[in-house]
PDB file of N, CA and C in Angstrom:
ATOM      1  N   MET A   1       6.935 -87.585  48.049  1.00  0.00           N
ATOM      2  CA  MET A   1       6.012 -87.271  47.429  1.00  0.00           C
ATOM      3  C   MET A   1       5.117 -85.830  47.422  1.00  0.00           C
ATOM      4  N   THR A   2       5.153 -85.876  46.680  1.00  0.00           N
ATOM      5  CA  THR A   2       3.753 -84.129  45.785  1.00  0.00           C
ATOM      6  C   THR A   2       2.784 -84.657  46.151  1.00  0.00           C
ATOM      7  N   THR A   3       1.796 -82.934  46.765  1.00  0.00           N
ATOM      8  CA  THR A   3       0.109 -83.370  46.826  1.00  0.00           C
ATOM      9  C   THR A   3       0.190 -82.924  45.532  1.00  0.00           C
ATOM     10  N   PRO A   4      -1.105 -82.866  45.078  1.00  0.00           N
ATOM     11  CA  PRO A   4      -1.394 -82.371  43.690  1.00  0.00           C
ATOM     12  C   PRO A   4      -1.838 -80.561  43.871  1.00  0.00           C
ATOM     13  N   THR A   5      -1.169 -79.487  43.783  1.00  0.00           N
ATOM     14  CA  THR A   5      -2.017 -78.111  44.042  1.00  0.00           C
ATOM     15  C   THR A   5      -2.760 -77.649  43.107  1.00  0.00           C
ATOM     16  N   ASP A   6      -3.213 -76.226  42.907  1.00  0.00           N
ATOM     17  CA  ASP A   6      -3.925 -75.710  41.960  1.00  0.00           C
ATOM     18  C   ASP A   6      -2.436 -75.521  41.154  1.00  0.00           C
ATOM     19  N   THR A   7      -1.956 -75.377  41.550  1.00  0.00           N
ATOM     20  CA  THR A   7      -0.370 -74.284  41.201  1.00  0.00           C
ATOM     21  C   THR A   7      -0.394 -75.210  39.836  1.00  0.00           C
ATOM     22  N   MET A   8       0.034 -76.428  40.177  1.00  0.00           N
ATOM     23  CA  MET A   8       0.874 -76.761  39.120  1.00  0.00           C
ATOM     24  C   MET A   8       0.557 -77.301  37.816  1.00  0.00           C
ATOM     25  N   THR A   9       1.114 -76.965  36.734  1.00  0.00           N
ATOM     26  CA  THR A   9       0.915 -77.325  35.564  1.00  0.00           C
ATOM     27  C   THR A   9       0.518 -78.551  35.378  1.00  0.00           C
ATOM     28  N   ALA A  10       0.081 -78.754  34.269  1.00  0.00           N
ATOM     29  CA  ALA A  10       0.172 -80.342  33.302  1.00  0.00           C
ATOM     30  C   ALA A  10       1.068 -80.403  33.517  1.00  0.00           C
ATOM     31  N   ASP A  11       2.453 -80.229  33.441  1.00  0.00           N
ATOM     32  CA  ASP A  11       3.417 -81.009  32.888  1.00  0.00           C
ATOM     33  C   ASP A  11       4.244 -81.140  34.091  1.00  0.00           C
ATOM     34  N   ASP A  12       3.579 -80.262  34.934  1.00  0.00           N
ATOM     35  CA  ASP A  12       4.542 -80.986  36.397  1.00  0.00           C
ATOM     36  C   ASP A  12       3.543 -82.217  37.182  1.00  0.00           C
ATOM     37  N   VAL A  13       2.563 -82.203  36.730  1.00  0.00           N
ATOM     38  CA  VAL A  13       1.111 -83.315  37.047  1.00  0.00           C
ATOM     39  C   VAL A  13       2.173 -84.776  36.566  1.00  0.00           C
ATOM     40  N   LEU A  14       1.695 -84.725  34.988  1.00  0.00           N
ATOM     41  CA  LEU A  14       2.815 -85.678  34.750  1.00  0.00           C
ATOM     42  C   LEU A  14       3.887 -86.189  34.627  1.00  0.00           C
ATOM     43  N   ALA A  15       4.738 -85.684  34.850  1.00  0.00           N
ATOM     44  CA  ALA A  15       6.166 -85.642  35.077  1.00  0.00           C
ATOM     45  C   ALA A  15       6.001 -85.958  37.054  1.00  0.00           C
ATOM     46  N   GLN A  16       4.572 -85.906  37.727  1.00  0.00           N
ATOM     47  CA  GLN A  16       4.797 -86.728  39.279  1.00  0.00           C
ATOM     48  C   GLN A  16       4.431 -87.809  39.203  1.00  0.00           C
ATOM     49  N   VAL A  17       3.334 -87.672  38.311  1.00  0.00           N
ATOM     50  CA  VAL A  17       3.250 -89.160  38.076  1.00  0.00           C
ATOM     51  C   VAL A  17       3.380 -90.416  37.526  1.00  0.00           C
ATOM     52  N   THR A  18       4.760 -89.828  36.191  1.00  0.00           N
ATOM     53  CA  THR A  18       4.823 -90.774  35.716  1.00  0.00           C
ATOM     54  C   THR A  18       6.074 -91.247  36.995  1.00  0.00           C
ATOM     55  N   SER A  19       6.676 -90.005  37.370  1.00  0.00           N
ATOM     56  CA  SER A  19       7.798 -90.652  38.541  1.00  0.00           C
ATOM     57  C   SER A  19       7.290 -91.446  39.268  1.00  0.00           C
ATOM     58  N   GLU A  20       5.910 -91.504  40.305  1.00  0.00           N
ATOM     59  CA  GLU A  20       5.423 -92.388  40.838  1.00  0.00           C
ATOM     60  C   GLU A  20       5.031 -93.540  40.552  1.00  0.00           C
ATOM     61  N   MET A  21       4.593 -93.651  38.899  1.00  0.00           N
ATOM     62  CA  MET A  21       3.942 -95.001  38.991  1.00  0.00           C
ATOM     63  C   MET A  21       5.836 -95.592  38.224  1.00  0.00           C
ATOM     64  N   ARG A  22       6.525 -95.096  37.956  1.00  0.00           N
ATOM     65  CA  ARG A  22       7.996 -95.712  37.536  1.00  0.00           C
ATOM     66  C   ARG A  22       8.841 -95.921  39.126  1.00  0.00           C
ATOM     67  N   ALA A  23       8.530 -94.638  40.268  1.00  0.00           N
ATOM     68  CA  ALA A  23       8.983 -96.002  41.517  1.00  0.00           C
ATOM     69  C   ALA A  23       8.159 -96.535  42.303  1.00  0.00           C
ATOM     70  N   ARG A  24       7.122 -96.874  42.288  1.00  0.00           N
ATOM     71  CA  ARG A  24       6.353 -97.756  42.792  1.00  0.00           C
ATOM     72  C   ARG A  24       5.814 -99.265  41.883  1.00  0.00           C
ATOM     73  N   LYS A  25       5.828-100.289  42.567  1.00  0.00           N
ATOM     74  CA  LYS A  25       5.628-101.652  42.071  1.00  0.00           C
ATOM     75  C   LYS A  25       3.977-101.598  41.451  1.00  0.00           C
ATOM     76  N   VAL A  26       3.093-102.381  40.174  1.00  0.00           N
ATOM     77  CA  VAL A  26       2.110-102.557  40.133  1.00  0.00           C
ATOM     78  C   VAL A  26       1.494-104.026  40.590  1.00  0.00           C
ATOM     79  N   ASN A  27       0.799-104.002  41.807  1.00  0.00           N
ATOM     80  CA  ASN A  27       0.144-105.330  42.023  1.00  0.00           C
ATOM     81  C   ASN A  27      -0.901-105.268  41.979  1.00  0.00           C
ATOM     82  N   GLY A  28      -1.098-106.269  40.708  1.00  0.00           N
ATOM     83  CA  GLY A  28      -2.581-106.976  40.144  1.00  0.00           C
ATOM     84  C   GLY A  28      -3.471-105.663  39.648  1.00  0.00           C
ATOM     85  N   GLY A  29      -2.611-105.231  39.235  1.00  0.00           N
ATOM     86  CA  GLY A  29      -3.014-104.299  38.120  1.00  0.00           C
ATOM     87  C   GLY A  29      -3.869-103.236  39.359  1.00  0.00           C
ATOM     88  N   LYS A  30      -3.442-102.665  40.862  1.00  0.00           N
ATOM     89  CA  LYS A  30      -3.262-102.069  41.215  1.00  0.00           C
ATOM     90  C   LYS A  30      -2.565-100.883  42.042  1.00  0.00           C
ATOM     91  N   HIS A  31      -2.729 -99.693  41.890  1.00  0.00           N
ATOM     92  CA  HIS A  31      -1.366 -98.778  42.441  1.00  0.00           C
ATOM     93  C   HIS A  31      -1.856 -97.839  43.703  1.00  0.00           C
ATOM     94  N   GLU A  32      -1.244 -98.121  44.382  1.00  0.00           N
ATOM     95  CA  GLU A  32      -1.794 -97.404  45.849  1.00  0.00           C
ATOM     96  C   GLU A  32      -0.549 -96.342  46.073  1.00  0.00           C
ATOM     97  N   SER A  33      -0.752 -95.827  44.780  1.00  0.00           N
ATOM     98  CA  SER A  33      -0.069 -94.037  45.118  1.00  0.00           C
ATOM     99  C   SER A  33      -1.377 -93.011  45.790  1.00  0.00           C
ATOM    100  N   PRO A  34      -1.024 -92.499  47.064  1.00  0.00           N
ATOM    101  CA  PRO A  34      -1.957 -91.328  47.038  1.00  0.00           C
ATOM    102  C   PRO A  34      -2.240 -90.044  45.824  1.00  0.00           C
ATOM    103  N   THR A  35      -1.131 -89.728  45.846  1.00  0.00           N
ATOM    104  CA  THR A  35      -0.834 -88.675  45.250  1.00  0.00           C
ATOM    105  C   THR A  35      -1.729 -89.093  43.627  1.00  0.00           C
ATOM    106  N   LEU A  36      -1.364 -90.361  42.967  1.00  0.00           N
ATOM    107  CA  LEU A  36      -2.393 -91.041  42.042  1.00  0.00           C
ATOM    108  C   LEU A  36      -3.723 -90.752  42.365  1.00  0.00           C
ATOM    109  N   ILE A  37      -3.724 -90.726  43.556  1.00  0.00           N
ATOM    110  CA  ILE A  37      -5.593 -91.255  44.016  1.00  0.00           C
ATOM    111  C   ILE A  37      -6.404 -89.858  44.433  1.00  0.00           C
ATOM    112  N   ALA A  38      -5.430 -88.655  44.471  1.00  0.00           N
ATOM    113  CA  ALA A  38      -6.182 -87.494  44.382  1.00  0.00           C
ATOM    114  C   ALA A  38      -5.911 -87.080  43.521  1.00  0.00           C
ATOM    115  N   TRP A  39      -5.713 -87.709  42.793  1.00  0.00           N
ATOM    116  CA  TRP A  39      -5.433 -86.839  40.671  1.00  0.00           C
ATOM    117  C   TRP A  39      -6.649 -87.882  40.359  1.00  0.00           C
ATOM    118  N   ALA A  40      -6.659 -89.212  40.638  1.00  0.00           N
ATOM    119  CA  ALA A  40      -7.884 -89.546  40.113  1.00  0.00           C
ATOM    120  C   ALA A  40      -8.601 -89.052  40.349  1.00  0.00           C
ATOM    121  N   ASP A  41      -9.438 -88.336  41.968  1.00  0.00           N
ATOM    122  CA  ASP A  41     -10.672 -88.155  42.622  1.00  0.00           C
ATOM    123  C   ASP A  41     -10.944 -86.410  42.093  1.00  0.00           C
ATOM    124  N   ARG A  42     -10.032 -85.539  41.577  1.00  0.00           N
ATOM    125  CA  ARG A  42      -9.781 -84.670  41.215  1.00  0.00           C
ATOM    126  C   ARG A  42     -10.109 -84.541  39.431  1.00  0.00           C
ATOM    127  N   ILE A  43      -9.584 -84.892  39.357  1.00  0.00           N
ATOM    128  CA  ILE A  43     -10.157 -85.115  38.143  1.00  0.00           C
ATOM    129  C   ILE A  43     -11.354 -85.888  37.825  1.00  0.00           C
ATOM    130  N   ASP A  44     -12.256 -87.177  38.582  1.00  0.00           N
ATOM    131  CA  ASP A  44     -13.222 -87.004  38.361  1.00  0.00           C
ATOM    132  C   ASP A  44     -14.878 -86.184  38.541  1.00  0.00           C
ATOM    133  N   ALA A  45     -14.093 -85.113  39.735  1.00  0.00           N
ATOM    134  CA  ALA A  45     -14.607 -83.719  39.568  1.00  0.00           C
ATOM    135  C   ALA A  45     -14.983 -82.956  38.639  1.00  0.00           C
ATOM    136  N   ALA A  46     -13.812 -83.211  37.989  1.00  0.00           N
ATOM    137  CA  ALA A  46     -13.845 -81.893  36.868  1.00  0.00           C
ATOM    138  C   ALA A  46     -14.350 -82.103  36.157  1.00  0.00           C
ATOM    139  N   VAL A  47     -14.263 -84.043  35.549  1.00  0.00           N
ATOM    140  CA  VAL A  47     -15.737 -84.528  34.203  1.00  0.00           C
ATOM    141  C   VAL A  47     -16.767 -84.087  34.744  1.00  0.00           C
ATOM    142  N   ALA A  48     -16.920 -83.755  35.924  1.00  0.00           N
ATOM    143  CA  ALA A  48     -18.038 -84.434  36.122  1.00  0.00           C
ATOM    144  C   ALA A  48     -18.892 -82.579  35.811  1.00  0.00           C
ATOM    145  N   ALA A  49     -17.960 -82.131  36.651  1.00  0.00           N
ATOM    146  CA  ALA A  49     -18.571 -80.901  36.445  1.00  0.00           C
ATOM    147  C   ALA A  49     -18.590 -79.997  34.857  1.00  0.00           C
ATOM    148  N   VAL A  50     -17.570 -81.313  33.795  1.00  0.00           N
ATOM    149  CA  VAL A  50     -17.799 -80.355  32.997  1.00  0.00           C
ATOM    150  C   VAL A  50     -18.674 -81.290  31.728  1.00  0.00           C
ATOM    151  N   TYR A  51     -19.221 -82.408  32.337  1.00  0.00           N
ATOM    152  CA  TYR A  51     -20.190 -83.161  31.957  1.00  0.00           C
ATOM    153  C   TYR A  51     -21.482 -82.203  32.422  1.00  0.00           C
ATOM    154  N   ASP A  52     -21.808 -82.103  33.041  1.00  0.00           N
ATOM    155  CA  ASP A  52     -22.996 -81.175  34.094  1.00  0.00           C
ATOM    156  C   ASP A  52     -23.438 -80.018  33.074  1.00  0.00           C
ATOM    157  N   GLU A  53     -21.640 -79.424  33.165  1.00  0.00           N
ATOM    158  CA  GLU A  53     -22.166 -78.259  31.790  1.00  0.00           C
ATOM    159  C   GLU A  53     -22.831 -78.517  30.884  1.00  0.00           C
ATOM    160  N   ARG A  54     -22.372 -79.035  29.911  1.00  0.00           N
ATOM    161  CA  ARG A  54     -22.394 -79.684  28.540  1.00  0.00           C
ATOM    162  C   ARG A  54     -23.810 -80.019  28.755  1.00  0.00           C
ATOM    163  N   ASP A  55     -24.311 -80.587  29.661  1.00  0.00           N
ATOM    164  CA  ASP A  55     -25.666 -81.087  30.066  1.00  0.00           C
ATOM    165  C   ASP A  55     -26.304 -79.689  30.264  1.00  0.00           C
ATOM    166  N   ALA A  56     -26.292 -78.975  30.861  1.00  0.00           N
ATOM    167  CA  ALA A  56     -26.833 -77.759  30.722  1.00  0.00           C
ATOM    168  C   ALA A  56     -26.732 -76.720  29.589  1.00  0.00           C
ATOM    169  N   LEU A  57     -25.752 -76.579  28.785  1.00  0.00           N
ATOM    170  CA  LEU A  57     -25.215 -75.902  27.196  1.00  0.00           C
ATOM    171  C   LEU A  57     -26.329 -76.788  26.193  1.00  0.00           C
ATOM    172  N   GLN A  58     -26.588 -77.698  26.364  1.00  0.00           N
ATOM    173  CA  GLN A  58     -27.413 -78.442  25.361  1.00  0.00           C
ATOM    174  C   GLN A  58     -28.549 -78.275  25.276  1.00  0.00           C
ATOM    175  N   ARG A  59     -28.864 -78.598  27.275  1.00  0.00           N
ATOM    176  CA  ARG A  59     -30.598 -78.108  27.538  1.00  0.00           C
ATOM    177  C   ARG A  59     -31.371 -76.596  26.771  1.00  0.00           C
ATOM    178  N   ARG A  60     -29.605 -75.714  27.296  1.00  0.00           N
ATOM    179  CA  ARG A  60     -29.897 -73.859  26.621  1.00  0.00           C
ATOM    180  C   ARG A  60     -30.472 -74.183  25.470  1.00  0.00           C
ATOM    181  N   VAL A  61     -29.148 -75.010  24.339  1.00  0.00           N
ATOM    182  CA  VAL A  61     -29.817 -74.968  22.902  1.00  0.00           C
ATOM    183  C   VAL A  61     -30.919 -75.417  22.466  1.00  0.00           C
ATOM    184  N   ALA A  62     -31.210 -76.190  22.976  1.00  0.00           N
ATOM    185  CA  ALA A  62     -32.667 -76.871  22.396  1.00  0.00           C
ATOM    186  C   ALA A  62     -33.802 -75.779  22.674  1.00  0.00           C
ATOM    187  N   GLU A  63     -33.358 -75.108  23.947  1.00  0.00           N
ATOM    188  CA  GLU A  63     -34.487 -74.185  24.292  1.00  0.00           C
ATOM    189  C   GLU A  63     -34.446 -72.863  22.929  1.00  0.00           C
ATOM    190  N   LEU A  64     -33.081 -72.724  22.884  1.00  0.00           N
ATOM    191  CA  LEU A  64     -33.072 -71.185  21.651  1.00  0.00           C
ATOM    192  C   LEU A  64     -33.612 -71.778  20.681  1.00  0.00           C
ATOM    193  N   GLU A  65     -33.354 -73.544  20.129  1.00  0.00           N
ATOM    194  CA  GLU A  65     -33.897 -73.204  18.916  1.00  0.00           C
ATOM    195  C   GLU A  65     -35.171 -73.446  18.275  1.00  0.00           C
ATOM    196  N   THR A  66     -35.613 -74.100  19.389  1.00  0.00           N
ATOM    197  CA  THR A  66     -36.827 -74.285  19.840  1.00  0.00           C
ATOM    198  C   THR A  66     -37.439 -72.865  19.803  1.00  0.00           C
ATOM    199  N   ASP A  67     -37.688 -71.364  20.247  1.00  0.00           N
ATOM    200  CA  ASP A  67     -37.471 -70.086  20.169  1.00  0.00           C
ATOM    201  C   ASP A  67     -37.338 -69.598  18.754  1.00  0.00           C
ATOM    202  N   ALA A  68     -36.379 -69.821  17.983  1.00  0.00           N
ATOM    203  CA  ALA A  68     -35.797 -69.480  17.092  1.00  0.00           C
ATOM    204  C   ALA A  68     -36.924 -69.951  15.707  1.00  0.00           C
ATOM    205  N   ALA A  69     -36.957 -71.582  16.349  1.00  0.00           N
ATOM    206  CA  ALA A  69     -38.344 -71.784  15.229  1.00  0.00           C
ATOM    207  C   ALA A  69     -39.765 -71.590  15.079  1.00  0.00           C
ATOM    208  N   ARG A  70     -39.441 -70.956  16.585  1.00  0.00           N
ATOM    209  CA  ARG A  70     -41.579 -70.448  16.232  1.00  0.00           C
ATOM    210  C   ARG A  70     -40.967 -69.354  15.635  1.00  0.00           C
ATOM    211  N   TRP A  71     -40.322 -68.486  15.784  1.00  0.00           N
ATOM    212  CA  TRP A  71     -39.761 -66.740  15.710  1.00  0.00           C
ATOM    213  C   TRP A  71     -39.626 -67.285  14.005  1.00  0.00           C
ATOM    214  N   GLN A  72     -39.289 -67.991  13.687  1.00  0.00           N
ATOM    215  CA  GLN A  72     -39.728 -68.431  12.251  1.00  0.00           C
ATOM    216  C   GLN A  72     -40.636 -68.409  11.244  1.00  0.00           C
ATOM    217  N   HIS A  73     -41.574 -69.188  11.946  1.00  0.00           N
ATOM    218  CA  HIS A  73     -43.016 -69.701  11.681  1.00  0.00           C
ATOM    219  C   HIS A  73     -43.522 -67.870  12.283  1.00  0.00           C
ATOM    220  N   ALA A  74     -43.453 -67.006  13.196  1.00  0.00           N
ATOM    221  CA  ALA A  74     -44.419 -66.664  13.269  1.00  0.00           C
ATOM    222  C   ALA A  74     -44.077 -64.988  12.031  1.00  0.00           C
ATOM    223  N   ARG A  75     -42.892 -65.207  12.033  1.00  0.00           N
ATOM    224  CA  ARG A  75     -42.315 -64.018  10.908  1.00  0.00           C
ATOM    225  C   ARG A  75     -43.001 -64.500   9.468  1.00  0.00           C
ATOM    226  N   LYS A  76     -43.288 -65.839   9.485  1.00  0.00           N
ATOM    227  CA  LYS A  76     -44.319 -66.044   8.089  1.00  0.00           C
ATOM    228  C   LYS A  76     -45.642 -65.579   8.056  1.00  0.00           C
ATOM    229  N   LEU A  77     -46.764 -66.026   9.291  1.00  0.00           N
ATOM    230  CA  LEU A  77     -47.527 -65.405   9.622  1.00  0.00           C
ATOM    231  C   LEU A  77     -47.712 -63.960   9.803  1.00  0.00           C
ATOM    232  N   LEU A  78     -46.611 -63.475  10.243  1.00  0.00           N
ATOM    233  CA  LEU A  78     -47.096 -62.140  10.463  1.00  0.00           C
ATOM    234  C   LEU A  78     -46.567 -61.609   9.458  1.00  0.00           C
ATOM    235  N   ALA A  79     -47.565 -60.041   8.912  1.00  0.00           N
ATOM    236  CA  ALA A  79     -47.376 -58.878   8.041  1.00  0.00           C
ATOM    237  C   ALA A  79     -46.261 -57.785   8.397  1.00  0.00           C
ATOM    238  N   ILE A  80     -45.720 -57.684   7.908  1.00  0.00           N
ATOM    239  CA  ILE A  80     -44.362 -55.626   7.817  1.00  0.00           C
ATOM    240  C   ILE A  80     -45.744 -55.069   8.604  1.00  0.00           C
ATOM    241  N   ASP A  81     -46.584 -54.732   8.008  1.00  0.00           N
ATOM    242  CA  ASP A  81     -47.116 -54.254   8.774  1.00  0.00           C
ATOM    243  C   ASP A  81     -47.949 -54.074  10.538  1.00  0.00           C
ATOM    244  N   ASP A  82     -48.387 -55.299  10.531  1.00  0.00           N
ATOM    245  CA  ASP A  82     -48.446 -56.494  12.289  1.00  0.00           C
ATOM    246  C   ASP A  82     -47.512 -55.714  12.737  1.00  0.00           C
ATOM    247  N   ILE A  83     -45.967 -56.191  12.488  1.00  0.00           N
ATOM    248  CA  ILE A  83     -44.721 -55.508  13.435  1.00  0.00           C
ATOM    249  C   ILE A  83     -45.123 -54.061  13.267  1.00  0.00           C
ATOM    250  N   GLU A  84     -44.964 -53.379  12.725  1.00  0.00           N
ATOM    251  CA  GLU A  84     -44.743 -52.417  12.637  1.00  0.00           C
ATOM    252  C   GLU A  84     -45.642 -51.599  13.351  1.00  0.00           C
ATOM    253  N   SER A  85     -46.734 -52.101  13.443  1.00  0.00           N
ATOM    254  CA  SER A  85     -48.027 -51.772  14.407  1.00  0.00           C
ATOM    255  C   SER A  85     -47.614 -51.808  16.125  1.00  0.00           C
ATOM    256  N   ALA A  86     -47.234 -53.315  16.064  1.00  0.00           N
ATOM    257  CA  ALA A  86     -46.707 -53.728  17.465  1.00  0.00           C
ATOM    258  C   ALA A  86     -45.725 -52.695  17.972  1.00  0.00           C
ATOM    259  N   GLN A  87     -44.770 -52.503  17.558  1.00  0.00           N
ATOM    260  CA  GLN A  87     -43.778 -51.308  17.723  1.00  0.00           C
ATOM    261  C   GLN A  87     -44.022 -49.966  17.651  1.00  0.00           C
ATOM    262  N   HIS A  88     -44.862 -49.420  17.286  1.00  0.00           N
ATOM    263  CA  HIS A  88     -45.550 -48.302  17.352  1.00  0.00           C
ATOM    264  C   HIS A  88     -46.102 -48.722  18.752  1.00  0.00           C
ATOM    265  N   SER A  89     -47.135 -49.025  18.955  1.00  0.00           N
ATOM    266  CA  SER A  89     -48.041 -49.291  20.237  1.00  0.00           C
ATOM    267  C   SER A  89     -46.802 -48.915  21.372  1.00  0.00           C
ATOM    268  N   LEU A  90     -45.643 -49.878  20.996  1.00  0.00           N
ATOM    269  CA  LEU A  90     -45.456 -50.333  22.352  1.00  0.00           C
ATOM    270  C   LEU A  90     -44.235 -48.760  22.914  1.00  0.00           C
ATOM    271  N   GLU A  91     -43.571 -48.036  21.348  1.00  0.00           N
ATOM    272  CA  GLU A  91     -42.682 -46.787  21.854  1.00  0.00           C
ATOM    273  C   GLU A  91     -44.230 -45.848  22.663  1.00  0.00           C
ATOM    274  N   ALA A  92     -45.404 -45.908  21.918  1.00  0.00           N
ATOM    275  CA  ALA A  92     -45.930 -45.005  22.083  1.00  0.00           C
ATOM    276  C   ALA A  92     -46.884 -45.375  23.683  1.00  0.00           C
ATOM    277  N   TYR A  93     -47.184 -45.876  24.046  1.00  0.00           N
ATOM    278  CA  TYR A  93     -47.820 -46.737  25.432  1.00  0.00           C
ATOM    279  C   TYR A  93     -46.180 -47.547  26.517  1.00  0.00           C
ATOM    280  N   GLY A  94     -45.441 -47.852  25.739  1.00  0.00           N
ATOM    281  CA  GLY A  94     -44.241 -47.994  26.918  1.00  0.00           C
ATOM    282  C   GLY A  94     -45.135 -49.605  27.333  1.00  0.00           C
ATOM    283  N   GLY A  95     -43.660 -50.107  27.758  1.00  0.00           N
ATOM    284  CA  GLY A  95     -43.914 -51.327  28.767  1.00  0.00           C
ATOM    285  C   GLY A  95     -44.383 -52.321  27.507  1.00  0.00           C
ATOM    286  N   LEU A  96     -43.718 -54.156  27.590  1.00  0.00           N
ATOM    287  CA  LEU A  96     -43.834 -55.091  27.350  1.00  0.00           C
ATOM    288  C   LEU A  96     -44.626 -56.129  27.667  1.00  0.00           C
ATOM    289  N   VAL A  97     -44.957 -56.974  26.634  1.00  0.00           N
ATOM    290  CA  VAL A  97     -46.409 -57.947  27.323  1.00  0.00           C
ATOM    291  C   VAL A  97     -45.930 -58.760  28.811  1.00  0.00           C
ATOM    292  N   SER A  98     -46.462 -59.176  29.234  1.00  0.00           N
ATOM    293  CA  SER A  98     -46.500 -59.790  30.529  1.00  0.00           C
ATOM    294  C   SER A  98     -45.619 -61.138  30.266  1.00  0.00           C
ATOM    295  N   GLU A  99     -44.703 -62.017  30.777  1.00  0.00           N
ATOM    296  CA  GLU A  99     -44.424 -63.377  30.706  1.00  0.00           C
ATOM    297  C   GLU A  99     -45.030 -64.422  30.718  1.00  0.00           C
ATOM    298  N   ASP A 100     -46.407 -63.905  31.342  1.00  0.00           N
ATOM    299  CA  ASP A 100     -48.346 -65.054  31.235  1.00  0.00           C
ATOM    300  C   ASP A 100     -48.506 -64.810  29.236  1.00  0.00           C
ATOM    301  N   GLU A 101     -48.916 -63.768  29.224  1.00  0.00           N
ATOM    302  CA  GLU A 101     -48.870 -63.273  27.156  1.00  0.00           C
ATOM    303  C   GLU A 101     -47.615 -64.197  26.503  1.00  0.00           C
ATOM    304  N   SER A 102     -46.468 -63.883  26.753  1.00  0.00           N
ATOM    305  CA  SER A 102     -45.392 -64.077  26.282  1.00  0.00           C
ATOM    306  C   SER A 102     -45.418 -66.026  25.945  1.00  0.00           C
ATOM    307  N   LYS A 103     -46.168 -66.600  26.953  1.00  0.00           N
ATOM    308  CA  LYS A 103     -45.685 -68.129  27.142  1.00  0.00           C
ATOM    309  C   LYS A 103     -47.309 -68.619  25.959  1.00  0.00           C
ATOM    310  N   ARG A 104     -48.394 -67.253  26.226  1.00  0.00           N
ATOM    311  CA  ARG A 104     -49.525 -67.983  25.692  1.00  0.00           C
ATOM    312  C   ARG A 104     -48.748 -67.941  23.680  1.00  0.00           C
ATOM    313  N   ALA A 105     -48.045 -66.565  24.044  1.00  0.00           N
ATOM    314  CA  ALA A 105     -48.137 -66.542  21.990  1.00  0.00           C
ATOM    315  C   ALA A 105     -47.207 -68.015  21.874  1.00  0.00           C
ATOM    316  N   ASP A 106     -46.147 -68.330  22.538  1.00  0.00           N
ATOM    317  CA  ASP A 106     -45.434 -69.185  22.032  1.00  0.00           C
ATOM    318  C   ASP A 106     -46.319 -70.470  22.039  1.00  0.00           C
ATOM    319  N   GLU A 107     -47.301 -70.984  23.128  1.00  0.00           N
ATOM    320  CA  GLU A 107     -47.934 -72.004  22.757  1.00  0.00           C
ATOM    321  C   GLU A 107     -48.939 -71.901  21.672  1.00  0.00           C
ATOM    322  N   ALA A 108     -49.493 -70.703  21.048  1.00  0.00           N
ATOM    323  CA  ALA A 108     -49.973 -70.549  20.135  1.00  0.00           C
ATOM    324  C   ALA A 108     -49.167 -70.241  18.567  1.00  0.00           C
ATOM    325  N   ILE A 109     -48.122 -70.088  18.829  1.00  0.00           N
ATOM    326  CA  ILE A 109     -47.171 -70.456  17.542  1.00  0.00           C
ATOM    327  C   ILE A 109     -46.531 -71.817  17.655  1.00  0.00           C
ATOM    328  N   ASP A 110     -46.700 -72.853  18.761  1.00  0.00           N
ATOM    329  CA  ASP A 110     -46.119 -73.848  18.374  1.00  0.00           C
ATOM    330  C   ASP A 110     -47.813 -75.156  18.031  1.00  0.00           C
ATOM    331  N   VAL A 111     -48.871 -74.536  18.650  1.00  0.00           N
ATOM    332  CA  VAL A 111     -49.540 -75.036  17.788  1.00  0.00           C
ATOM    333  C   VAL A 111     -50.089 -74.358  16.190  1.00  0.00           C
ATOM    334  N   ALA A 112     -49.585 -73.894  16.040  1.00  0.00           N
ATOM    335  CA  ALA A 112     -49.548 -73.261  14.334  1.00  0.00           C
ATOM    336  C   ALA A 112     -48.640 -73.699  14.129  1.00  0.00           C
ATOM    337  N   ARG A 113     -47.366 -74.030  14.343  1.00  0.00           N
ATOM    338  CA  ARG A 113     -46.424 -74.662  13.515  1.00  0.00           C
ATOM    339  C   ARG A 113     -46.820 -76.143  13.468  1.00  0.00           C
ATOM    340  N   SER A 114     -47.286 -76.858  14.296  1.00  0.00           N
ATOM    341  CA  SER A 114     -47.851 -78.332  14.704  1.00  0.00           C
ATOM    342  C   SER A 114     -48.638 -78.826  13.306  1.00  0.00           C
ATOM    343  N   LYS A 115     -49.896 -77.423  13.404  1.00  0.00           N
ATOM    344  CA  LYS A 115     -50.758 -77.356  12.284  1.00  0.00           C
ATOM    345  C   LYS A 115     -50.570 -77.624  10.624  1.00  0.00           C
ATOM    346  N   GLY A 116     -49.362 -76.516  11.024  1.00  0.00           N
ATOM    347  CA  GLY A 116     -49.067 -75.961   9.657  1.00  0.00           C
ATOM    348  C   GLY A 116     -47.608 -76.911   8.868  1.00  0.00           C
ATOM    349  N   GLY A 117     -47.096 -77.475   9.645  1.00  0.00           N
ATOM    350  CA  GLY A 117     -45.844 -78.112   9.587  1.00  0.00           C
ATOM    351  C   GLY A 117     -44.791 -77.580  10.223  1.00  0.00           C
ATOM    352  N   ALA A 118     -44.080 -77.796  11.007  1.00  0.00           N
ATOM    353  CA  ALA A 118     -43.093 -76.660  11.381  1.00  0.00           C
ATOM    354  C   ALA A 118     -41.901 -77.196  10.007  1.00  0.00           C
ATOM    355  N   SER A 119     -41.414 -75.794  10.810  1.00  0.00           N
ATOM    356  CA  SER A 119     -40.033 -75.051  10.135  1.00  0.00           C
ATOM    357  C   SER A 119     -39.390 -74.641  10.798  1.00  0.00           C
TER     358      SER A 119
END
């Protein structure tokens, strides 16, 4: 009986599992193969990790979509001269606004979007 390893290919695993399933009898729907149990545990852990990563990516996509919607709305409110003036100030005086100021801007844009219809 082979123990699963990280170097086994999917074909190796399939061949091993198929061989063990054919070699053992199934009693009442239960299979007592240590190799199959080990693979099932590894698969469960891998699937859980994939779901966790998927959930984290979905949260990040939602954050990015919200930020994109904010800036799409802000572009409607800001004149080109406002943007050019802000860029000139950045170049002349250096430094970016603080994170707190950025959060306040996000909140202000969210309020404006809710009043004017989110876009």
